[in-house]
Amino acid sequence: MISKDTINKGMISKGMINKDTINKGMIYRKDRYGNTISELGFGCMRFTKNAAGQVDIDKAESEVKRAFGLGVNYYDMAYVYPGIETAFGKILARNDGLRDKINIATKLPHYLMKTHAQIERTFREELSRIGTDHIDYYLMHMLTDLGAWERVRKLGIEEFIAEKKKAGEIRQIGFSFHGPTDEFIKILDSYDWDFCQIQYNYMDENSQAGRRGLEYAEKKGIPVIIMEPLRGGRLVNLLPQSAKKIFAEDPHGWSPAEWGLRWLYNQSGVTCVLSGMNSIEMVEENCRIASAATVGSFGTSEEAVLKQVRSEIAKTLRVPCTGCSYCMPCPHGVDIPGAFRCWNEMYTESKKSGRTDYYRASILRHDATSASLCVKCGRCEKLCPQSIPIRKRLSDAAADLETPWYKVSRLFVKLLHLW
């Protein structure tokens, strides 16, 4: 039972919410071991930087302190986010006692590791940057397929994890993921993970790990941290005007951001949603939403509104692929849904965004999955429920996505894998 004191402190756990408590503080969900994680997490990657490219420490500190004061206890960063771990370490040093009241998540860039000793050095550097003796939630950064995990396994990562857990330097181990659903499930089944992190939002419901991956993780009892809940703000700032109009005319009065976040909080498999907050106003607004949105608070009428919005966004797509993956696996290794998703992203969001996502999702994997690998066998077209002329559209996608820079990078990565 929730006491009055607990409510005032925002200590509300999923499954214990009623109408009298949902507006009185941050809602908390549980990790694998029963620890509470705030429904909203602070994605530190988007800390504001000055003209010199350095984190504005004073501004970031004020935002972190405000988020903490409103109940946020999960702070996410990574080794490869320039200056972020160091900046957060300075914030901790300025605020005595804060470290023991929050959860810190950061990530190992396994794709840069060549030896076990390098893994050890990188981890030590992260501890030093942040100014802490342990990491609460440590992730393998950006696994894209099972092959990527198998490669780092050969470097002795499992022994490293066991050693750090025994010493208390790593409390929980997980991974962040960019790749197709089937590979996500393979990785989940390949190791005793404590948690995972996926890109997921109402436009990625059937791509990457997707809803199927989220629900699979939930069945296994693995908490899921959500990144890119609004696609880096693109489901707010780059929505078609017709979609913005649908939101604006709805009587709820919710902003596009609130629609996206509430859709996520409605799902019981979601443990924490990361937001790259970089203003006090954004912190306060997101905390307000996370103090009200619960499982079951987003019903059929709200889903109907999002269906209309998706339909308007779909009108800007280059190919009407739903990400169902009936066409998969491709006998020649093409990630067909992945290629189409990135191609669509070029036109619904930005060319840079789509091409960057494609680079990451196709050639940074253990085996390349480029659209240009298509040999036009036609097997996929016989299986596609949307009757998409896949061979022709893959050729068009490759012409748009595979720039000269991409082709040079693909060759470099291939040589690196061979080495």
Protein backbone atom coordinates (compact mmCIF):
# COMPACT_ATOMS: atom_id res chain seq x y z
CA MET A 1 0.00 0.00 0.00
CA ILE A 2 1.26 3.50 -0.86
CA SER A 3 1.62 5.90 2.03
CA LYS A 4 1.10 9.65 1.84
CA ASP A 5 4.81 10.23 2.34
CA THR A 6 5.64 7.89 -0.51
CA ILE A 7 3.27 9.67 -2.86
CA ASN A 8 4.72 13.08 -2.06
CA LYS A 9 8.18 11.82 -2.89
CA GLY A 10 7.01 10.45 -6.19
CA MET A 11 7.71 6.85 -5.25
CA ILE A 12 4.94 5.18 -7.22
CA SER A 13 5.47 1.73 -8.73
CA LYS A 14 3.73 0.23 -11.75
CA GLY A 15 0.79 -1.87 -10.73
CA MET A 16 0.04 0.35 -7.71
CA ILE A 17 -1.50 3.35 -9.47
CA ASN A 18 -4.99 4.73 -8.90
CA LYS A 19 -6.78 7.92 -9.90
CA ASP A 20 -5.77 9.67 -6.69
CA THR A 21 -2.03 9.15 -7.17
CA ILE A 22 -1.17 9.40 -10.86
CA ASN A 23 -0.65 13.18 -10.82
CA LYS A 24 1.36 13.40 -7.61
CA GLY A 25 4.87 12.34 -8.61
CA MET A 26 7.16 10.45 -10.90
CA ILE A 27 5.98 6.94 -11.71
CA TYR A 28 8.53 4.17 -11.15
CA ARG A 29 8.79 0.78 -12.81
CA LYS A 30 10.86 -2.21 -11.71
CA ASP A 31 14.07 -3.70 -13.05
CA ARG A 32 14.83 -7.41 -13.01
CA TYR A 33 15.79 -7.37 -9.34
CA GLY A 34 12.94 -5.24 -8.04
CA ASN A 35 14.82 -1.92 -8.01
CA THR A 36 12.78 1.12 -9.01
CA ILE A 37 13.63 3.00 -12.19
CA SER A 38 11.92 6.26 -13.04
CA GLU A 39 9.55 5.91 -15.98
CA LEU A 40 11.46 8.82 -17.56
CA GLY A 41 15.21 8.57 -18.04
CA PHE A 42 17.63 11.41 -18.83
CA GLY A 43 19.46 10.89 -22.13
CA CYS A 44 22.61 12.92 -21.54
CA MET A 45 23.87 12.73 -25.12
CA ARG A 46 22.05 15.96 -25.99
CA PHE A 47 23.55 18.12 -23.26
CA THR A 48 23.92 21.64 -24.69
CA LYS A 49 27.38 22.46 -26.03
CA ASN A 50 29.02 25.85 -26.46
CA ALA A 51 30.65 27.31 -29.57
CA ALA A 52 33.84 25.40 -28.77
CA GLY A 53 31.97 22.10 -28.80
CA GLN A 54 32.24 21.61 -25.03
CA VAL A 55 29.34 20.79 -22.72
CA ASP A 56 27.82 23.81 -20.99
CA ILE A 57 28.33 22.39 -17.49
CA ASP A 58 26.31 25.00 -15.63
CA LYS A 59 23.29 24.56 -17.90
CA ALA A 60 23.51 20.75 -17.88
CA GLU A 61 23.86 20.76 -14.09
CA SER A 62 20.72 22.85 -13.63
CA GLU A 63 18.76 20.47 -15.87
CA VAL A 64 20.07 17.35 -14.12
CA LYS A 65 19.28 18.80 -10.69
CA ARG A 66 15.78 19.77 -11.78
CA ALA A 67 15.18 16.30 -13.24
CA PHE A 68 16.44 14.68 -10.03
CA GLY A 69 14.22 16.95 -7.96
CA LEU A 70 11.23 15.77 -10.01
CA GLY A 71 12.09 12.12 -9.51
CA VAL A 72 14.30 11.10 -12.46
CA ASN A 73 16.83 8.52 -11.24
CA TYR A 74 18.19 7.03 -14.50
CA TYR A 75 20.93 8.87 -16.45
CA ASP A 76 22.21 7.46 -19.74
CA MET A 77 25.52 8.22 -21.48
CA ALA A 78 28.23 6.44 -23.51
CA TYR A 79 31.99 6.34 -24.00
CA VAL A 80 31.71 7.66 -27.57
CA TYR A 81 29.44 10.64 -26.76
CA PRO A 82 32.07 13.42 -26.83
CA GLY A 83 32.58 14.97 -23.42
CA ILE A 84 29.39 13.60 -21.87
CA GLU A 85 30.84 11.16 -19.31
CA THR A 86 33.37 13.77 -18.19
CA ALA A 87 30.68 16.47 -17.94
CA PHE A 88 28.47 14.22 -15.85
CA GLY A 89 31.42 13.46 -13.59
CA LYS A 90 31.86 17.19 -12.97
CA ILE A 91 28.16 17.52 -12.13
CA LEU A 92 28.48 14.71 -9.60
CA ALA A 93 31.57 16.33 -8.07
CA ARG A 94 29.63 19.56 -7.58
CA ASN A 95 26.70 17.84 -5.87
CA ASP A 96 27.78 15.80 -2.90
CA GLY A 97 25.65 12.73 -2.28
CA LEU A 98 23.95 12.74 -5.69
CA ARG A 99 25.84 9.70 -6.99
CA ASP A 100 24.32 7.31 -4.46
CA LYS A 101 20.78 8.49 -5.22
CA ILE A 102 20.77 7.85 -8.98
CA ASN A 103 21.42 5.11 -11.52
CA ILE A 104 24.14 5.67 -14.10
CA ALA A 105 24.07 3.85 -17.43
CA THR A 106 26.97 3.98 -19.84
CA LYS A 107 28.26 1.84 -22.68
CA LEU A 108 31.28 -0.09 -23.93
CA PRO A 109 32.12 0.62 -27.60
CA HIS A 110 32.73 -3.08 -28.31
CA TYR A 111 33.17 -2.32 -32.04
CA LEU A 112 36.40 -0.47 -31.18
CA MET A 113 37.78 -3.24 -28.98
CA LYS A 114 40.51 -5.53 -30.30
CA THR A 115 41.76 -7.15 -27.08
CA HIS A 116 40.58 -8.00 -23.58
CA ALA A 117 43.11 -5.52 -22.21
CA GLN A 118 41.56 -2.75 -24.29
CA ILE A 119 38.14 -3.53 -22.81
CA GLU A 120 39.63 -3.24 -19.32
CA ARG A 121 41.34 0.08 -20.11
CA THR A 122 38.19 1.55 -21.61
CA PHE A 123 36.09 0.57 -18.60
CA ARG A 124 38.66 2.07 -16.21
CA GLU A 125 38.65 5.27 -18.25
CA GLU A 126 34.87 5.47 -18.01
CA LEU A 127 34.95 5.10 -14.22
CA SER A 128 37.57 7.84 -14.07
CA ARG A 129 35.63 10.17 -16.36
CA ILE A 130 32.43 9.84 -14.36
CA GLY A 131 34.22 9.83 -11.01
CA THR A 132 32.56 6.71 -9.69
CA ASP A 133 33.59 3.26 -8.51
CA HIS A 134 30.75 1.43 -10.22
CA ILE A 135 28.29 1.55 -13.11
CA ASP A 136 24.70 0.65 -12.29
CA TYR A 137 23.64 -0.33 -15.81
CA TYR A 138 26.44 -1.17 -18.26
CA LEU A 139 25.68 -1.81 -21.91
CA MET A 140 27.35 -3.30 -24.95
CA HIS A 141 26.86 -0.31 -27.23
CA MET A 142 24.97 -0.82 -30.47
CA LEU A 143 24.86 -4.54 -31.09
CA THR A 144 23.40 -5.05 -34.56
CA ASP A 145 23.29 -8.82 -34.85
CA LEU A 146 24.35 -12.00 -33.08
CA GLY A 147 27.66 -11.97 -34.95
CA ALA A 148 28.66 -8.71 -33.26
CA TRP A 149 28.06 -10.26 -29.84
CA GLU A 150 29.94 -13.43 -30.78
CA ARG A 151 32.94 -11.35 -31.84
CA VAL A 152 33.20 -9.57 -28.48
CA ARG A 153 32.62 -12.88 -26.73
CA LYS A 154 35.86 -14.14 -28.30
CA LEU A 155 37.64 -11.27 -26.57
CA GLY A 156 36.58 -12.65 -23.19
CA ILE A 157 33.74 -10.25 -22.46
CA GLU A 158 31.81 -12.83 -20.42
CA GLU A 159 34.76 -13.30 -18.06
CA PHE A 160 35.14 -9.52 -17.85
CA ILE A 161 31.46 -9.08 -16.92
CA ALA A 162 31.61 -11.84 -14.29
CA GLU A 163 34.71 -10.31 -12.73
CA LYS A 164 33.24 -6.78 -12.59
CA LYS A 165 29.93 -7.99 -11.21
CA LYS A 166 31.69 -9.94 -8.48
CA ALA A 167 33.70 -6.84 -7.57
CA GLY A 168 30.54 -4.69 -7.59
CA GLU A 169 31.91 -2.47 -10.35
CA ILE A 170 29.09 -3.43 -12.72
CA ARG A 171 25.70 -3.91 -11.11
CA GLN A 172 23.68 -4.96 -14.17
CA ILE A 173 24.66 -5.82 -17.74
CA GLY A 174 22.74 -5.14 -20.93
CA PHE A 175 23.05 -4.06 -24.55
CA SER A 176 21.67 -1.41 -26.86
CA PHE A 177 20.41 -2.61 -30.22
CA HIS A 178 20.01 -1.48 -33.82
CA GLY A 179 19.03 -4.25 -36.21
CA PRO A 180 16.17 -6.57 -37.21
CA THR A 181 13.83 -8.27 -34.76
CA ASP A 182 15.08 -11.80 -35.35
CA GLU A 183 18.65 -10.80 -34.50
CA PHE A 184 17.44 -9.02 -31.37
CA ILE A 185 15.74 -12.19 -30.20
CA LYS A 186 18.85 -14.25 -30.93
CA ILE A 187 20.97 -11.91 -28.82
CA LEU A 188 18.42 -11.99 -25.97
CA ASP A 189 18.57 -15.79 -25.97
CA SER A 190 22.36 -15.97 -26.18
CA TYR A 191 23.21 -14.67 -22.70
CA ASP A 192 21.70 -14.02 -19.28
CA TRP A 193 21.09 -10.30 -19.77
CA ASP A 194 19.80 -8.06 -16.99
CA PHE A 195 18.24 -5.49 -19.33
CA CYS A 196 18.35 -4.15 -22.89
CA GLN A 197 17.83 -0.90 -24.78
CA ILE A 198 16.01 -0.51 -28.10
CA GLN A 199 14.90 2.20 -30.50
CA TYR A 200 11.11 2.19 -30.34
CA ASN A 201 8.32 4.65 -31.11
CA TYR A 202 4.96 4.62 -32.84
CA MET A 203 6.62 4.75 -36.28
CA ASP A 204 9.11 1.97 -35.44
CA GLU A 205 6.49 -0.40 -34.08
CA ASN A 206 7.29 -3.01 -36.72
CA SER A 207 10.94 -2.24 -37.44
CA GLN A 208 14.20 -2.86 -35.58
CA ALA A 209 13.41 -4.79 -32.37
CA GLY A 210 9.83 -3.54 -32.65
CA ARG A 211 6.81 -4.55 -30.64
CA ARG A 212 7.57 -8.23 -31.20
CA GLY A 213 11.01 -7.80 -29.66
CA LEU A 214 9.66 -5.72 -26.79
CA GLU A 215 7.04 -8.32 -25.92
CA TYR A 216 9.56 -11.16 -26.24
CA ALA A 217 11.85 -9.41 -23.75
CA GLU A 218 8.92 -8.86 -21.40
CA LYS A 219 8.04 -12.57 -21.48
CA LYS A 220 11.63 -13.37 -20.54
CA GLY A 221 11.46 -10.89 -17.66
CA ILE A 222 14.07 -8.59 -19.21
CA PRO A 223 13.49 -4.85 -18.62
CA VAL A 224 13.56 -2.67 -21.74
CA ILE A 225 14.92 0.87 -21.89
CA ILE A 226 13.57 2.91 -24.81
CA MET A 227 15.75 5.24 -26.89
CA GLU A 228 14.62 7.55 -29.70
CA PRO A 229 11.02 7.67 -28.43
CA LEU A 230 10.41 10.65 -30.71
CA ARG A 231 13.12 9.83 -33.27
CA GLY A 232 15.38 12.56 -31.99
CA GLY A 233 12.51 15.05 -32.02
CA ARG A 234 11.58 14.31 -35.62
CA LEU A 235 8.15 13.02 -34.55
CA VAL A 236 7.63 16.53 -33.23
CA ASN A 237 9.43 18.98 -35.50
CA LEU A 238 9.31 17.17 -38.85
CA LEU A 239 5.75 15.89 -38.83
CA PRO A 240 3.70 16.69 -41.95
CA GLN A 241 1.40 19.66 -41.40
CA SER A 242 -1.60 17.37 -41.85
CA ALA A 243 -0.39 15.21 -38.94
CA LYS A 244 0.23 18.24 -36.74
CA LYS A 245 -3.32 19.39 -37.51
CA ILE A 246 -4.77 16.06 -36.33
CA PHE A 247 -2.99 16.41 -33.00
CA ALA A 248 -3.91 20.09 -32.67
CA GLU A 249 -7.62 19.44 -33.23
CA ASP A 250 -7.86 16.56 -30.77
CA PRO A 251 -9.64 17.53 -27.51
CA HIS A 252 -6.92 16.01 -25.30
CA GLY A 253 -4.77 19.05 -25.96
CA TRP A 254 -1.60 16.96 -25.95
CA SER A 255 1.50 18.04 -27.85
CA PRO A 256 2.99 15.68 -30.49
CA ALA A 257 5.68 14.79 -27.92
CA GLU A 258 3.11 13.88 -25.30
CA TRP A 259 1.27 11.63 -27.76
CA GLY A 260 4.50 9.75 -28.50
CA LEU A 261 5.49 9.36 -24.87
CA ARG A 262 2.05 8.33 -23.68
CA TRP A 263 1.90 5.66 -26.38
CA LEU A 264 5.09 4.16 -24.95
CA TYR A 265 4.13 4.43 -21.28
CA ASN A 266 0.93 2.53 -22.08
CA GLN A 267 2.96 -0.63 -22.77
CA SER A 268 3.78 -2.84 -19.81
CA GLY A 269 7.03 -4.08 -21.38
CA VAL A 270 8.50 -0.56 -21.33
CA THR A 271 10.59 0.04 -18.20
CA CYS A 272 12.08 3.47 -18.88
CA VAL A 273 11.89 5.97 -21.73
CA LEU A 274 15.00 8.06 -22.41
CA SER A 275 14.61 11.69 -23.42
CA GLY A 276 17.47 13.87 -24.59
CA MET A 277 16.42 16.87 -22.51
CA ASN A 278 18.32 20.15 -22.84
CA SER A 279 16.11 22.77 -21.23
CA ILE A 280 14.37 23.19 -17.88
CA GLU A 281 11.07 23.53 -19.71
CA MET A 282 11.58 20.19 -21.46
CA VAL A 283 12.55 18.51 -18.19
CA GLU A 284 9.46 19.81 -16.42
CA GLU A 285 7.11 18.92 -19.28
CA ASN A 286 8.47 15.39 -19.66
CA CYS A 287 8.35 14.83 -15.90
CA ARG A 288 4.74 16.01 -15.87
CA ILE A 289 3.86 13.43 -18.52
CA ALA A 290 5.78 10.70 -16.70
CA SER A 291 3.85 11.50 -13.54
CA ALA A 292 0.51 10.88 -15.26
CA ALA A 293 0.92 8.30 -18.02
CA THR A 294 0.38 4.70 -16.96
CA VAL A 295 -0.37 1.33 -18.51
CA GLY A 296 -4.01 1.39 -19.55
CA SER A 297 -4.30 5.16 -19.83
CA PHE A 298 -4.02 5.15 -23.64
CA GLY A 299 -7.13 3.55 -25.11
CA THR A 300 -8.80 2.77 -28.42
CA SER A 301 -9.78 6.37 -29.13
CA GLU A 302 -6.17 7.50 -28.69
CA GLU A 303 -4.94 4.66 -30.89
CA ALA A 304 -7.39 5.81 -33.56
CA VAL A 305 -5.80 9.26 -33.54
CA LEU A 306 -2.32 7.80 -33.93
CA LYS A 307 -3.57 5.62 -36.78
CA GLN A 308 -4.60 8.78 -38.62
CA VAL A 309 -1.23 10.38 -37.93
CA ARG A 310 0.65 7.31 -39.17
CA SER A 311 -1.44 7.43 -42.32
CA GLU A 312 -0.46 11.04 -42.96
CA ILE A 313 3.22 10.28 -42.36
CA ALA A 314 2.96 7.25 -44.68
CA LYS A 315 1.95 9.52 -47.56
CA THR A 316 5.51 10.85 -47.58
CA LEU A 317 7.07 7.37 -47.76
CA ARG A 318 9.02 6.15 -50.77
CA VAL A 319 7.80 2.57 -50.34
CA PRO A 320 4.80 1.29 -48.31
CA CYS A 321 6.75 -1.36 -46.39
CA THR A 322 5.19 -2.20 -43.01
CA GLY A 323 8.25 -4.06 -41.70
CA CYS A 324 6.33 -7.34 -41.42
CA SER A 325 9.44 -9.28 -42.60
CA TYR A 326 7.43 -11.88 -44.56
CA CYS A 327 10.03 -11.37 -47.30
CA MET A 328 12.84 -12.45 -44.97
CA PRO A 329 15.30 -14.03 -44.77
CA CYS A 330 16.78 -12.97 -48.08
CA PRO A 331 18.96 -15.81 -49.43
CA HIS A 332 21.58 -13.24 -50.42
CA GLY A 333 21.71 -11.39 -47.12
CA VAL A 334 19.77 -8.21 -47.89
CA ASP A 335 17.91 -6.69 -44.95
CA ILE A 336 14.91 -5.72 -47.07
CA PRO A 337 12.74 -4.07 -44.37
CA GLY A 338 15.79 -2.31 -42.95
CA ALA A 339 16.79 -0.85 -46.31
CA PHE A 340 13.25 0.40 -46.97
CA ARG A 341 12.98 1.88 -43.48
CA CYS A 342 16.16 3.91 -43.95
CA TRP A 343 15.15 4.96 -47.46
CA ASN A 344 11.80 6.20 -46.16
CA GLU A 345 13.59 8.01 -43.34
CA MET A 346 15.52 10.01 -45.93
CA TYR A 347 12.27 11.56 -47.09
CA THR A 348 10.19 11.68 -43.92
CA GLU A 349 13.03 13.11 -41.82
CA SER A 350 16.30 14.01 -43.57
CA LYS A 351 18.72 12.54 -46.06
CA LYS A 352 21.52 12.61 -43.52
CA SER A 353 19.43 10.79 -40.93
CA GLY A 354 18.37 8.05 -43.34
CA ARG A 355 21.84 7.47 -44.73
CA THR A 356 23.45 7.46 -41.28
CA ASP A 357 20.91 4.93 -40.03
CA TYR A 358 21.50 2.79 -43.14
CA TYR A 359 25.27 2.87 -42.68
CA ARG A 360 24.91 1.77 -39.09
CA ALA A 361 22.30 -0.91 -39.80
CA SER A 362 23.88 -2.46 -42.89
CA ILE A 363 27.68 -2.35 -42.99
CA LEU A 364 28.46 -2.16 -39.27
CA ARG A 365 26.93 -5.58 -38.81
CA HIS A 366 29.01 -8.75 -38.79
CA ASP A 367 27.76 -9.52 -42.31
CA ALA A 368 26.80 -6.63 -44.59
CA THR A 369 23.11 -6.46 -45.54
CA SER A 370 23.24 -3.76 -48.23
CA ALA A 371 20.38 -3.32 -50.70
CA SER A 372 22.89 -3.62 -53.56
CA LEU A 373 23.47 -7.28 -52.67
CA CYS A 374 20.11 -8.05 -54.30
CA VAL A 375 20.49 -10.41 -57.32
CA LYS A 376 16.82 -9.98 -58.32
CA CYS A 377 15.84 -13.59 -57.71
CA GLY A 378 12.27 -12.51 -56.93
CA ARG A 379 11.69 -14.81 -53.96
CA CYS A 380 10.75 -11.85 -51.75
CA GLU A 381 8.06 -10.54 -54.07
CA LYS A 382 6.15 -13.81 -53.91
CA LEU A 383 5.92 -13.43 -50.13
CA CYS A 384 5.17 -9.70 -49.79
CA PRO A 385 1.58 -9.09 -48.57
CA GLN A 386 1.80 -5.48 -49.84
CA SER A 387 2.68 -6.62 -53.40
CA ILE A 388 5.66 -4.28 -53.43
CA PRO A 389 7.93 -4.60 -56.51
CA ILE A 390 10.81 -5.23 -54.14
CA ARG A 391 13.54 -5.82 -56.71
CA LYS A 392 12.92 -2.49 -58.43
CA ARG A 393 12.53 -0.58 -55.18
CA LEU A 394 15.70 -2.09 -53.68
CA SER A 395 17.59 -0.90 -56.73
CA ASP A 396 16.13 2.59 -56.29
CA ALA A 397 16.93 2.53 -52.57
CA ALA A 398 20.54 1.48 -53.20
CA ALA A 399 21.00 4.34 -55.67
CA ASP A 400 19.81 6.81 -53.04
CA LEU A 401 21.43 5.32 -49.95
CA GLU A 402 24.74 3.95 -51.17
CA THR A 403 26.78 7.06 -51.83
CA PRO A 404 30.47 6.94 -52.85
CA TRP A 405 31.33 7.55 -49.19
CA TYR A 406 29.18 4.57 -48.20
CA LYS A 407 30.91 2.30 -50.72
CA VAL A 408 34.37 3.29 -49.52
CA SER A 409 33.28 2.77 -45.89
CA ARG A 410 31.86 -0.65 -46.72
CA LEU A 411 35.19 -1.71 -48.21
CA PHE A 412 37.05 -0.39 -45.18
CA VAL A 413 34.78 -2.23 -42.74
CA LYS A 414 35.12 -5.45 -44.76
CA LEU A 415 38.92 -5.20 -44.64
CA LEU A 416 38.73 -4.46 -40.90
CA HIS A 417 36.62 -7.58 -40.33
CA LEU A 418 39.11 -9.68 -42.30
CA TRP A 419 41.95 -8.22 -40.25
